[in-house]
Protein backbone atom coordinates (compact mmCIF):
# COMPACT_ATOMS: atom_id res chain seq x y z
CA MET A 1 94.98 -29.84 20.44
CA THR A 2 95.13 -30.93 17.08
CA GLU A 3 93.29 -29.45 14.05
CA PHE A 4 90.64 -32.27 14.48
CA HIS A 5 89.74 -31.48 17.79
CA ASN A 6 89.35 -27.99 16.97
CA GLU A 7 87.30 -29.36 13.82
CA ILE A 8 84.68 -31.25 15.99
CA ARG A 9 84.37 -28.77 18.78
CA ARG A 10 83.29 -26.31 16.28
CA ARG A 11 80.83 -28.35 14.42
CA ALA A 12 79.27 -29.44 18.21
CA HIS A 13 79.33 -25.72 19.26
CA GLU A 14 77.51 -24.93 15.59
CA ALA A 15 75.10 -27.73 16.05
CA GLN A 16 74.03 -26.80 19.61
CA THR A 17 73.46 -23.39 18.79
CA SER A 18 71.30 -24.49 15.55
CA LEU A 19 69.57 -27.06 17.85
CA ALA A 20 68.78 -24.20 20.75
CA ASP A 21 67.84 -21.74 17.31
CA ALA A 22 64.78 -25.06 16.43
CA ARG A 23 63.71 -25.41 19.54
CA ALA A 24 62.95 -21.38 20.09
CA THR A 25 61.37 -21.82 16.55
CA GLY A 26 59.72 -24.72 16.88
CA ASP A 27 61.06 -26.52 14.30
CA ASP A 28 61.03 -30.21 15.57
CA TYR A 29 62.13 -31.36 11.77
CA LEU A 30 65.55 -29.38 12.58
CA ALA A 31 65.91 -30.25 15.98
CA GLY A 32 65.76 -34.25 14.98
CA ILE A 33 68.65 -33.31 12.59
CA ARG A 34 70.53 -31.25 15.20
CA LEU A 35 70.35 -34.13 17.71
CA GLY A 36 71.30 -36.69 15.58
CA GLU A 37 74.62 -34.47 14.45
CA ILE A 38 75.57 -33.56 17.81
CA GLN A 39 74.97 -37.81 18.36
CA SER A 40 77.50 -38.31 16.20
CA LEU A 41 80.19 -35.73 16.99
CA ALA A 42 79.90 -37.11 20.71
CA ARG A 43 80.16 -40.57 19.18
CA ILE A 44 83.49 -39.51 17.31
CA ALA A 45 84.68 -37.40 20.41
CA ALA A 46 84.25 -39.91 22.79
CA ASP A 47 86.29 -42.17 20.61
CA HIS A 48 88.99 -39.86 20.63
CA GLY A 49 88.97 -38.97 24.00
CA LEU A 50 87.39 -35.46 23.54
CA VAL A 51 85.20 -34.08 25.71
CA LEU A 52 82.64 -31.76 24.36
CA ASP A 53 81.10 -29.01 26.40
CA GLY A 54 77.69 -28.84 26.70
CA VAL A 55 76.87 -32.06 24.27
CA GLU A 56 75.54 -33.88 27.46
CA GLU A 57 73.04 -31.19 28.40
CA SER A 58 72.04 -31.14 24.87
CA LEU A 59 71.07 -34.41 24.69
CA ALA A 60 69.66 -34.64 27.59
CA ALA A 61 67.02 -32.49 27.32
CA TYR A 62 65.50 -34.77 24.94
CA GLY A 63 66.16 -38.05 27.16
CA LEU A 64 69.28 -39.38 24.83
CA PRO A 65 72.33 -40.68 26.81
CA THR A 66 75.92 -39.16 25.78
CA PRO A 67 77.25 -41.50 23.67
CA ALA A 68 80.60 -43.93 25.11
CA PRO A 69 83.20 -45.14 23.35
CA GLY A 70 82.22 -48.50 21.85
CA LEU A 71 79.20 -48.45 22.33
CA PRO A 72 76.26 -48.24 19.57
CA LEU A 73 74.54 -44.99 19.31
CA PRO A 74 71.04 -45.24 20.01
CA PRO A 75 68.27 -44.57 17.93
CA ALA A 76 67.50 -40.62 17.30
CA GLY A 77 63.56 -40.06 17.82
CA ILE A 78 61.89 -36.96 19.00
């Protein structure tokens, strides 16, 4: 695994943890920011053949699809 893959995984984990904290405290603004970050990281991961644990579930909880390579990101909105 490359340093790039490790960094994407680390950032995705941090964003998911922050999203969970935002949900727990009712901070919808921060949750929206973290969802956008998770979508962006998921797109980068998909474009590089990397699977990120928990990302699909994090996005699905808000009715958002997991990005796939070559497809545009849907607009993030909560």
